[in-house]
Amino acid sequence: MNLFGVMDVSASALKAERVRAEVVASNMANAETTRTPEGGPYQRHHVVFEAEGDGEFQHSLVTHLVGDGLPSLGGSRLFGEDLTAARSVPGGVAVTGIIADARAPLRRYDPQHPDAGPDGYVAYPDINPLTEMVDLMGATRSYGMNASAMQAEKNMVSSSLDILK
């Protein structure tokens, strides 16, 4: 990991949590939407996260020790691994998809509603405001934790620069 490795990892988490918060906000905004361009009520969406990089500590250690593959180390081995085969910094997160919830819509009897069927029932999205608030609080907490990690890294870099003065 390089000097800014923590910032790279935390930046990927900040981006992912921002997307998560946007999806939750969209779910909350459309909790009563009965009509979409695709037809039918709005469907709740979920964010799918995936770890970036290979995620192996061994690769992280090799990268830390020798950088991103030094040509002069050709043939050198550490833990049975070719030192020149060091890869990117692991540990980040990426959004790999936003998927629609497959649950059936809620049906409420409201014969006066313009989207009511012939039986008087209207299909509403199956969105629970409490669940959405918990997801939003989780995204907010995770965002704050990663912002704190970036601030700590910034303080460490600043302290290092102060030593060099």
N, C-alpha and C. Protein backbone atom coordinates (compact mmCIF):
# COMPACT_ATOMS: atom_id res chain seq x y z
N MET A 1 0.85 -1.17 0.00
CA MET A 1 0.00 0.00 0.00
C MET A 1 0.89 1.23 0.00
N ASN A 2 0.57 2.20 -0.80
CA ASN A 2 1.37 3.40 -0.86
C ASN A 2 0.90 4.39 0.20
N LEU A 3 1.50 5.57 0.20
CA LEU A 3 1.18 6.59 1.20
C LEU A 3 -0.29 6.97 1.19
N PHE A 4 -0.89 6.94 0.03
CA PHE A 4 -2.29 7.35 -0.08
C PHE A 4 -3.23 6.15 -0.22
N GLY A 5 -2.76 4.97 0.16
CA GLY A 5 -3.58 3.77 0.06
C GLY A 5 -4.85 3.85 0.88
N VAL A 6 -4.75 4.38 2.08
CA VAL A 6 -5.94 4.51 2.93
C VAL A 6 -6.94 5.44 2.27
N MET A 7 -6.43 6.50 1.67
CA MET A 7 -7.34 7.44 1.00
C MET A 7 -8.02 6.79 -0.20
N ASP A 8 -7.28 5.96 -0.94
CA ASP A 8 -7.87 5.27 -2.09
C ASP A 8 -8.98 4.32 -1.65
N VAL A 9 -8.71 3.56 -0.59
CA VAL A 9 -9.70 2.60 -0.09
C VAL A 9 -10.91 3.35 0.45
N SER A 10 -10.66 4.38 1.26
CA SER A 10 -11.78 5.13 1.84
C SER A 10 -12.56 5.89 0.77
N ALA A 11 -11.88 6.38 -0.26
CA ALA A 11 -12.58 7.08 -1.34
C ALA A 11 -13.53 6.14 -2.07
N SER A 12 -13.11 4.90 -2.27
CA SER A 12 -14.01 3.95 -2.93
C SER A 12 -15.24 3.68 -2.06
N ALA A 13 -15.02 3.62 -0.74
CA ALA A 13 -16.16 3.40 0.17
C ALA A 13 -17.09 4.62 0.19
N LEU A 14 -16.51 5.81 0.13
CA LEU A 14 -17.34 7.03 0.11
C LEU A 14 -18.24 7.04 -1.12
N LYS A 15 -17.66 6.67 -2.26
CA LYS A 15 -18.45 6.62 -3.50
C LYS A 15 -19.57 5.60 -3.39
N ALA A 16 -19.23 4.42 -2.86
CA ALA A 16 -20.23 3.35 -2.76
C ALA A 16 -21.35 3.73 -1.80
N GLU A 17 -21.01 4.34 -0.68
CA GLU A 17 -22.04 4.72 0.29
C GLU A 17 -22.90 5.87 -0.22
N ARG A 18 -22.31 6.73 -1.03
CA ARG A 18 -23.10 7.81 -1.63
C ARG A 18 -24.16 7.22 -2.56
N VAL A 19 -23.77 6.23 -3.35
CA VAL A 19 -24.72 5.55 -4.23
C VAL A 19 -25.81 4.87 -3.41
N ARG A 20 -25.40 4.23 -2.32
CA ARG A 20 -26.38 3.56 -1.44
C ARG A 20 -27.38 4.57 -0.88
N ALA A 21 -26.89 5.73 -0.44
CA ALA A 21 -27.78 6.76 0.10
C ALA A 21 -28.72 7.28 -0.99
N GLU A 22 -28.23 7.41 -2.22
CA GLU A 22 -29.08 7.88 -3.32
C GLU A 22 -30.18 6.87 -3.63
N VAL A 23 -29.84 5.59 -3.58
CA VAL A 23 -30.85 4.55 -3.84
C VAL A 23 -31.90 4.55 -2.74
N VAL A 24 -31.48 4.70 -1.49
CA VAL A 24 -32.43 4.76 -0.39
C VAL A 24 -33.34 5.99 -0.53
N ALA A 25 -32.75 7.11 -0.90
CA ALA A 25 -33.55 8.32 -1.09
C ALA A 25 -34.56 8.13 -2.21
N SER A 26 -34.15 7.45 -3.27
CA SER A 26 -35.07 7.18 -4.37
C SER A 26 -36.20 6.26 -3.91
N ASN A 27 -35.85 5.26 -3.11
CA ASN A 27 -36.89 4.36 -2.58
C ASN A 27 -37.89 5.13 -1.72
N MET A 28 -37.38 6.00 -0.86
CA MET A 28 -38.27 6.76 0.03
C MET A 28 -39.13 7.75 -0.78
N ALA A 29 -38.54 8.35 -1.80
CA ALA A 29 -39.28 9.32 -2.61
C ALA A 29 -40.41 8.65 -3.39
N ASN A 30 -40.21 7.39 -3.77
CA ASN A 30 -41.19 6.69 -4.59
C ASN A 30 -42.03 5.69 -3.80
N ALA A 31 -42.11 5.85 -2.50
CA ALA A 31 -42.83 4.89 -1.65
C ALA A 31 -44.32 4.81 -2.00
N GLU A 32 -44.87 5.84 -2.61
CA GLU A 32 -46.29 5.84 -2.97
C GLU A 32 -46.51 5.92 -4.47
N THR A 33 -45.47 5.68 -5.26
CA THR A 33 -45.58 5.78 -6.71
C THR A 33 -46.29 4.55 -7.27
N THR A 34 -47.40 4.80 -7.91
CA THR A 34 -48.20 3.69 -8.45
C THR A 34 -48.05 3.53 -9.96
N ARG A 35 -47.35 4.49 -10.58
CA ARG A 35 -47.23 4.47 -12.04
C ARG A 35 -45.79 4.76 -12.44
N THR A 36 -45.18 3.87 -13.21
CA THR A 36 -43.81 4.07 -13.71
C THR A 36 -43.80 3.95 -15.23
N PRO A 37 -42.75 4.41 -15.90
CA PRO A 37 -42.68 4.25 -17.35
C PRO A 37 -42.71 2.78 -17.79
N GLU A 38 -42.21 1.89 -16.93
CA GLU A 38 -42.22 0.46 -17.27
C GLU A 38 -43.59 -0.16 -17.05
N GLY A 39 -44.46 0.57 -16.39
CA GLY A 39 -45.78 0.05 -16.05
C GLY A 39 -45.78 -0.51 -14.64
N GLY A 40 -46.89 -0.35 -13.95
CA GLY A 40 -47.00 -0.86 -12.59
C GLY A 40 -46.37 0.06 -11.57
N PRO A 41 -46.37 -0.34 -10.32
CA PRO A 41 -45.81 0.50 -9.27
C PRO A 41 -44.28 0.47 -9.27
N TYR A 42 -43.70 1.45 -8.61
CA TYR A 42 -42.25 1.52 -8.43
C TYR A 42 -41.79 0.29 -7.65
N GLN A 43 -40.60 -0.22 -7.98
CA GLN A 43 -40.03 -1.34 -7.24
C GLN A 43 -38.84 -0.86 -6.43
N ARG A 44 -38.77 -1.32 -5.20
CA ARG A 44 -37.66 -0.97 -4.32
C ARG A 44 -36.36 -1.49 -4.94
N HIS A 45 -35.27 -0.73 -4.74
CA HIS A 45 -33.97 -1.12 -5.27
C HIS A 45 -32.96 -1.37 -4.15
N HIS A 46 -32.03 -2.26 -4.42
CA HIS A 46 -30.94 -2.59 -3.50
C HIS A 46 -29.61 -2.34 -4.21
N VAL A 47 -28.59 -1.96 -3.42
CA VAL A 47 -27.25 -1.78 -3.96
C VAL A 47 -26.43 -3.03 -3.63
N VAL A 48 -25.67 -3.51 -4.61
CA VAL A 48 -24.81 -4.67 -4.41
C VAL A 48 -23.36 -4.18 -4.41
N PHE A 49 -22.67 -4.46 -3.29
CA PHE A 49 -21.25 -4.09 -3.16
C PHE A 49 -20.38 -5.30 -3.46
N GLU A 50 -19.16 -5.01 -3.92
CA GLU A 50 -18.17 -6.07 -4.15
C GLU A 50 -16.80 -5.54 -3.77
N ALA A 51 -16.00 -6.40 -3.13
CA ALA A 51 -14.65 -6.00 -2.76
C ALA A 51 -13.81 -5.83 -4.02
N GLU A 52 -13.02 -4.76 -4.04
CA GLU A 52 -12.12 -4.52 -5.18
C GLU A 52 -10.78 -5.18 -4.93
N GLY A 53 -10.06 -5.45 -5.97
CA GLY A 53 -8.74 -6.06 -5.84
C GLY A 53 -8.87 -7.52 -5.48
N ASP A 54 -7.71 -8.15 -5.28
CA ASP A 54 -7.74 -9.57 -4.95
C ASP A 54 -8.02 -9.82 -3.49
N GLY A 55 -7.84 -8.80 -2.63
CA GLY A 55 -8.19 -8.91 -1.23
C GLY A 55 -7.27 -9.79 -0.40
N GLU A 56 -6.18 -10.23 -0.94
CA GLU A 56 -5.29 -11.10 -0.18
C GLU A 56 -4.22 -10.28 0.53
N PHE A 57 -4.02 -10.61 1.78
CA PHE A 57 -3.02 -9.90 2.58
C PHE A 57 -1.63 -10.07 2.00
N GLN A 58 -1.37 -11.26 1.49
CA GLN A 58 -0.04 -11.55 0.94
C GLN A 58 0.31 -10.56 -0.16
N HIS A 59 -0.62 -10.30 -1.06
CA HIS A 59 -0.36 -9.34 -2.13
C HIS A 59 -0.18 -7.94 -1.59
N SER A 60 -0.93 -7.62 -0.57
CA SER A 60 -0.80 -6.31 0.03
C SER A 60 0.58 -6.14 0.65
N LEU A 61 1.05 -7.19 1.33
CA LEU A 61 2.38 -7.14 1.95
C LEU A 61 3.47 -7.03 0.90
N VAL A 62 3.37 -7.79 -0.15
CA VAL A 62 4.37 -7.74 -1.22
C VAL A 62 4.39 -6.35 -1.84
N THR A 63 3.21 -5.81 -2.07
CA THR A 63 3.13 -4.47 -2.64
C THR A 63 3.76 -3.45 -1.70
N HIS A 64 3.52 -3.63 -0.41
CA HIS A 64 4.09 -2.71 0.58
C HIS A 64 5.61 -2.82 0.61
N LEU A 65 6.12 -4.04 0.49
CA LEU A 65 7.56 -4.25 0.61
C LEU A 65 8.32 -3.83 -0.63
N VAL A 66 7.79 -4.10 -1.81
CA VAL A 66 8.57 -3.87 -3.02
C VAL A 66 7.88 -2.92 -4.00
N GLY A 67 6.73 -2.40 -3.68
CA GLY A 67 6.04 -1.51 -4.60
C GLY A 67 5.32 -2.29 -5.67
N ASP A 68 5.04 -1.66 -6.75
CA ASP A 68 4.27 -2.28 -7.83
C ASP A 68 5.17 -3.00 -8.82
N GLY A 69 5.95 -3.94 -8.35
CA GLY A 69 6.73 -4.76 -9.25
C GLY A 69 7.99 -4.08 -9.73
N LEU A 70 9.11 -4.29 -9.05
CA LEU A 70 10.37 -3.72 -9.48
C LEU A 70 11.03 -4.65 -10.49
N PRO A 71 11.45 -4.16 -11.65
CA PRO A 71 12.05 -5.03 -12.64
C PRO A 71 13.33 -5.70 -12.15
N SER A 72 14.06 -5.04 -11.22
CA SER A 72 15.32 -5.61 -10.76
C SER A 72 15.11 -6.82 -9.86
N LEU A 73 13.91 -7.08 -9.43
CA LEU A 73 13.63 -8.22 -8.55
C LEU A 73 13.16 -9.44 -9.33
N GLY A 74 13.37 -9.45 -10.62
CA GLY A 74 12.92 -10.59 -11.41
C GLY A 74 13.43 -11.91 -10.87
N GLY A 75 12.55 -12.85 -10.61
CA GLY A 75 12.94 -14.14 -10.09
C GLY A 75 12.94 -14.22 -8.57
N SER A 76 12.90 -13.07 -7.85
CA SER A 76 12.87 -13.09 -6.40
C SER A 76 11.51 -13.55 -5.92
N ARG A 77 11.52 -14.25 -4.78
CA ARG A 77 10.25 -14.80 -4.29
C ARG A 77 10.09 -14.46 -2.82
N LEU A 78 8.85 -14.23 -2.42
CA LEU A 78 8.48 -14.02 -1.03
C LEU A 78 7.20 -14.80 -0.81
N PHE A 79 7.19 -15.69 0.19
CA PHE A 79 6.05 -16.57 0.45
C PHE A 79 5.71 -17.40 -0.79
N GLY A 80 6.71 -17.74 -1.58
CA GLY A 80 6.47 -18.53 -2.77
C GLY A 80 5.87 -17.74 -3.92
N GLU A 81 5.78 -16.43 -3.76
CA GLU A 81 5.15 -15.58 -4.77
C GLU A 81 6.23 -14.77 -5.47
N ASP A 82 6.14 -14.66 -6.77
CA ASP A 82 7.05 -13.84 -7.54
C ASP A 82 6.84 -12.38 -7.14
N LEU A 83 7.92 -11.73 -6.69
CA LEU A 83 7.79 -10.35 -6.23
C LEU A 83 7.40 -9.38 -7.33
N THR A 84 7.75 -9.72 -8.55
CA THR A 84 7.40 -8.82 -9.64
C THR A 84 5.94 -8.95 -10.05
N ALA A 85 5.25 -9.95 -9.46
CA ALA A 85 3.85 -10.15 -9.81
C ALA A 85 2.90 -9.38 -8.89
N ALA A 86 3.44 -8.44 -8.09
CA ALA A 86 2.60 -7.67 -7.18
C ALA A 86 1.51 -6.94 -7.97
N ARG A 87 0.32 -6.92 -7.39
CA ARG A 87 -0.83 -6.32 -8.09
C ARG A 87 -1.30 -5.05 -7.41
N SER A 88 -2.46 -4.59 -7.79
CA SER A 88 -2.99 -3.33 -7.26
C SER A 88 -3.32 -3.46 -5.78
N VAL A 89 -3.58 -2.31 -5.17
CA VAL A 89 -3.88 -2.26 -3.74
C VAL A 89 -5.26 -2.84 -3.49
N PRO A 90 -5.37 -3.86 -2.66
CA PRO A 90 -6.68 -4.44 -2.36
C PRO A 90 -7.37 -3.67 -1.24
N GLY A 91 -8.61 -3.96 -1.03
CA GLY A 91 -9.31 -3.43 0.14
C GLY A 91 -10.42 -2.46 -0.18
N GLY A 92 -10.55 -2.01 -1.39
CA GLY A 92 -11.61 -1.06 -1.73
C GLY A 92 -12.94 -1.75 -1.94
N VAL A 93 -13.93 -0.98 -2.24
CA VAL A 93 -15.27 -1.52 -2.50
C VAL A 93 -15.83 -0.84 -3.76
N ALA A 94 -16.63 -1.57 -4.47
CA ALA A 94 -17.25 -1.03 -5.68
C ALA A 94 -18.72 -1.43 -5.71
N VAL A 95 -19.52 -0.61 -6.34
CA VAL A 95 -20.93 -0.94 -6.55
C VAL A 95 -20.99 -1.74 -7.85
N THR A 96 -21.41 -2.98 -7.76
CA THR A 96 -21.47 -3.81 -8.96
C THR A 96 -22.86 -3.86 -9.56
N GLY A 97 -23.83 -3.38 -8.84
CA GLY A 97 -25.16 -3.39 -9.41
C GLY A 97 -26.21 -2.79 -8.49
N ILE A 98 -27.27 -2.38 -9.10
CA ILE A 98 -28.46 -1.93 -8.37
C ILE A 98 -29.59 -2.80 -8.88
N ILE A 99 -30.12 -3.62 -7.98
CA ILE A 99 -31.13 -4.59 -8.40
C ILE A 99 -32.50 -4.21 -7.83
N ALA A 100 -33.51 -4.56 -8.59
CA ALA A 100 -34.88 -4.29 -8.16
C ALA A 100 -35.36 -5.42 -7.26
N ASP A 101 -36.12 -5.04 -6.25
CA ASP A 101 -36.68 -6.01 -5.32
C ASP A 101 -37.77 -6.81 -6.05
N ALA A 102 -37.77 -8.11 -5.81
CA ALA A 102 -38.69 -8.99 -6.54
C ALA A 102 -40.01 -9.21 -5.80
N ARG A 103 -40.19 -8.55 -4.66
CA ARG A 103 -41.43 -8.77 -3.91
C ARG A 103 -42.64 -8.20 -4.67
N ALA A 104 -43.75 -8.83 -4.45
CA ALA A 104 -45.00 -8.38 -5.09
C ALA A 104 -45.44 -7.05 -4.47
N PRO A 105 -46.10 -6.21 -5.24
CA PRO A 105 -46.55 -4.93 -4.69
C PRO A 105 -47.66 -5.14 -3.66
N LEU A 106 -47.81 -4.12 -2.81
CA LEU A 106 -48.89 -4.14 -1.83
C LEU A 106 -50.18 -3.73 -2.53
N ARG A 107 -51.28 -4.30 -2.11
CA ARG A 107 -52.57 -3.95 -2.72
C ARG A 107 -53.44 -3.31 -1.65
N ARG A 108 -53.93 -2.11 -1.97
CA ARG A 108 -54.83 -1.39 -1.05
C ARG A 108 -56.13 -1.08 -1.79
N TYR A 109 -57.20 -1.20 -1.07
CA TYR A 109 -58.50 -0.91 -1.66
C TYR A 109 -58.72 0.60 -1.69
N ASP A 110 -58.81 1.16 -2.88
CA ASP A 110 -59.04 2.60 -3.07
C ASP A 110 -59.70 2.78 -4.44
N PRO A 111 -60.98 2.54 -4.54
CA PRO A 111 -61.65 2.59 -5.86
C PRO A 111 -61.62 3.97 -6.51
N GLN A 112 -61.37 5.04 -5.75
CA GLN A 112 -61.35 6.40 -6.30
C GLN A 112 -60.00 6.75 -6.95
N HIS A 113 -58.99 5.94 -6.70
CA HIS A 113 -57.64 6.22 -7.22
C HIS A 113 -57.64 6.01 -8.74
N PRO A 114 -56.95 6.91 -9.51
CA PRO A 114 -56.93 6.75 -10.98
C PRO A 114 -56.25 5.46 -11.45
N ASP A 115 -55.39 4.86 -10.63
CA ASP A 115 -54.73 3.61 -11.02
C ASP A 115 -55.40 2.38 -10.42
N ALA A 116 -56.59 2.54 -9.91
CA ALA A 116 -57.30 1.39 -9.34
C ALA A 116 -57.74 0.45 -10.45
N GLY A 117 -57.64 -0.84 -10.16
CA GLY A 117 -58.08 -1.86 -11.11
C GLY A 117 -59.60 -1.98 -11.06
N PRO A 118 -60.14 -2.87 -11.89
CA PRO A 118 -61.59 -3.06 -11.91
C PRO A 118 -62.15 -3.55 -10.57
N ASP A 119 -61.30 -4.17 -9.75
CA ASP A 119 -61.74 -4.62 -8.44
C ASP A 119 -61.60 -3.55 -7.36
N GLY A 120 -61.07 -2.36 -7.72
CA GLY A 120 -60.93 -1.27 -6.77
C GLY A 120 -59.61 -1.27 -6.01
N TYR A 121 -58.74 -2.20 -6.26
CA TYR A 121 -57.45 -2.26 -5.57
C TYR A 121 -56.38 -1.54 -6.38
N VAL A 122 -55.46 -0.90 -5.65
CA VAL A 122 -54.34 -0.19 -6.25
C VAL A 122 -53.05 -0.88 -5.80
N ALA A 123 -52.11 -1.09 -6.73
CA ALA A 123 -50.81 -1.69 -6.41
C ALA A 123 -49.84 -0.58 -6.01
N TYR A 124 -49.32 -0.70 -4.76
CA TYR A 124 -48.33 0.24 -4.23
C TYR A 124 -47.00 -0.48 -4.06
N PRO A 125 -45.88 0.25 -4.10
CA PRO A 125 -44.58 -0.38 -3.86
C PRO A 125 -44.51 -0.94 -2.44
N ASP A 126 -43.83 -2.06 -2.28
CA ASP A 126 -43.64 -2.66 -0.95
C ASP A 126 -42.40 -2.03 -0.32
N ILE A 127 -42.56 -0.79 0.14
CA ILE A 127 -41.44 -0.05 0.73
C ILE A 127 -41.83 0.33 2.15
N ASN A 128 -41.00 -0.13 3.11
CA ASN A 128 -41.22 0.19 4.52
C ASN A 128 -40.34 1.38 4.88
N PRO A 129 -40.92 2.50 5.29
CA PRO A 129 -40.10 3.68 5.62
C PRO A 129 -39.08 3.42 6.73
N LEU A 130 -39.42 2.55 7.68
CA LEU A 130 -38.47 2.25 8.75
C LEU A 130 -37.24 1.51 8.21
N THR A 131 -37.46 0.56 7.33
CA THR A 131 -36.34 -0.16 6.72
C THR A 131 -35.46 0.79 5.93
N GLU A 132 -36.09 1.70 5.21
CA GLU A 132 -35.31 2.67 4.42
C GLU A 132 -34.51 3.60 5.33
N MET A 133 -35.11 4.01 6.44
CA MET A 133 -34.38 4.89 7.37
C MET A 133 -33.18 4.17 7.98
N VAL A 134 -33.36 2.89 8.32
CA VAL A 134 -32.24 2.11 8.87
C VAL A 134 -31.13 1.99 7.83
N ASP A 135 -31.49 1.73 6.57
CA ASP A 135 -30.48 1.66 5.51
C ASP A 135 -29.78 3.01 5.34
N LEU A 136 -30.54 4.09 5.41
CA LEU A 136 -29.95 5.42 5.27
C LEU A 136 -29.00 5.73 6.42
N MET A 137 -29.42 5.35 7.64
CA MET A 137 -28.53 5.56 8.79
C MET A 137 -27.26 4.73 8.66
N GLY A 138 -27.37 3.50 8.14
CA GLY A 138 -26.19 2.67 7.93
C GLY A 138 -25.25 3.29 6.91
N ALA A 139 -25.82 3.82 5.83
CA ALA A 139 -24.99 4.47 4.81
C ALA A 139 -24.33 5.72 5.37
N THR A 140 -25.07 6.46 6.18
CA THR A 140 -24.52 7.68 6.77
C THR A 140 -23.38 7.35 7.73
N ARG A 141 -23.60 6.33 8.56
CA ARG A 141 -22.54 5.93 9.52
C ARG A 141 -21.30 5.45 8.78
N SER A 142 -21.48 4.63 7.77
CA SER A 142 -20.34 4.12 7.03
C SER A 142 -19.60 5.25 6.31
N TYR A 143 -20.36 6.18 5.77
CA TYR A 143 -19.75 7.34 5.11
C TYR A 143 -18.91 8.13 6.11
N GLY A 144 -19.47 8.35 7.31
CA GLY A 144 -18.75 9.08 8.35
C GLY A 144 -17.49 8.37 8.80
N MET A 145 -17.57 7.04 8.94
CA MET A 145 -16.39 6.28 9.34
C MET A 145 -15.28 6.41 8.31
N ASN A 146 -15.63 6.32 7.04
CA ASN A 146 -14.61 6.42 6.00
C ASN A 146 -14.07 7.83 5.87
N ALA A 147 -14.92 8.82 6.12
CA ALA A 147 -14.43 10.21 6.13
C ALA A 147 -13.45 10.40 7.29
N SER A 148 -13.73 9.76 8.44
CA SER A 148 -12.81 9.83 9.58
C SER A 148 -11.48 9.17 9.26
N ALA A 149 -11.53 8.04 8.55
CA ALA A 149 -10.29 7.36 8.15
C ALA A 149 -9.47 8.25 7.23
N MET A 150 -10.14 8.95 6.32
CA MET A 150 -9.42 9.86 5.43
C MET A 150 -8.80 11.01 6.22
N GLN A 151 -9.54 11.52 7.21
CA GLN A 151 -9.02 12.61 8.04
C GLN A 151 -7.80 12.13 8.82
N ALA A 152 -7.86 10.89 9.36
CA ALA A 152 -6.72 10.34 10.09
C ALA A 152 -5.50 10.21 9.18
N GLU A 153 -5.72 9.74 7.95
CA GLU A 153 -4.62 9.61 7.00
C GLU A 153 -4.05 10.99 6.67
N LYS A 154 -4.91 11.95 6.52
CA LYS A 154 -4.45 13.32 6.24
C LYS A 154 -3.59 13.85 7.39
N ASN A 155 -4.02 13.56 8.63
CA ASN A 155 -3.23 13.99 9.79
C ASN A 155 -1.88 13.28 9.84
N MET A 156 -1.85 12.00 9.47
CA MET A 156 -0.60 11.26 9.45
C MET A 156 0.35 11.84 8.41
N VAL A 157 -0.15 12.15 7.24
CA VAL A 157 0.69 12.74 6.19
C VAL A 157 1.19 14.11 6.63
N SER A 158 0.31 14.89 7.26
CA SER A 158 0.69 16.21 7.74
C SER A 158 1.78 16.10 8.81
N SER A 159 1.64 15.14 9.72
CA SER A 159 2.66 14.93 10.75
C SER A 159 3.99 14.52 10.14
N SER A 160 3.94 13.70 9.11
CA SER A 160 5.16 13.28 8.42
C SER A 160 5.85 14.47 7.77
N LEU A 161 5.06 15.34 7.18
CA LEU A 161 5.65 16.54 6.55
C LEU A 161 6.24 17.47 7.60
N ASP A 162 5.59 17.55 8.77
CA ASP A 162 6.13 18.39 9.85
C ASP A 162 7.48 17.88 10.33
N ILE A 163 7.67 16.57 10.36
CA ILE A 163 8.95 15.98 10.77
C ILE A 163 10.05 16.37 9.80
N LEU A 164 9.71 16.48 8.52
CA LEU A 164 10.72 16.80 7.50
C LEU A 164 11.11 18.27 7.50
N LYS A 165 10.39 19.12 8.21
CA LYS A 165 10.72 20.57 8.20
C LYS A 165 11.98 20.85 8.96
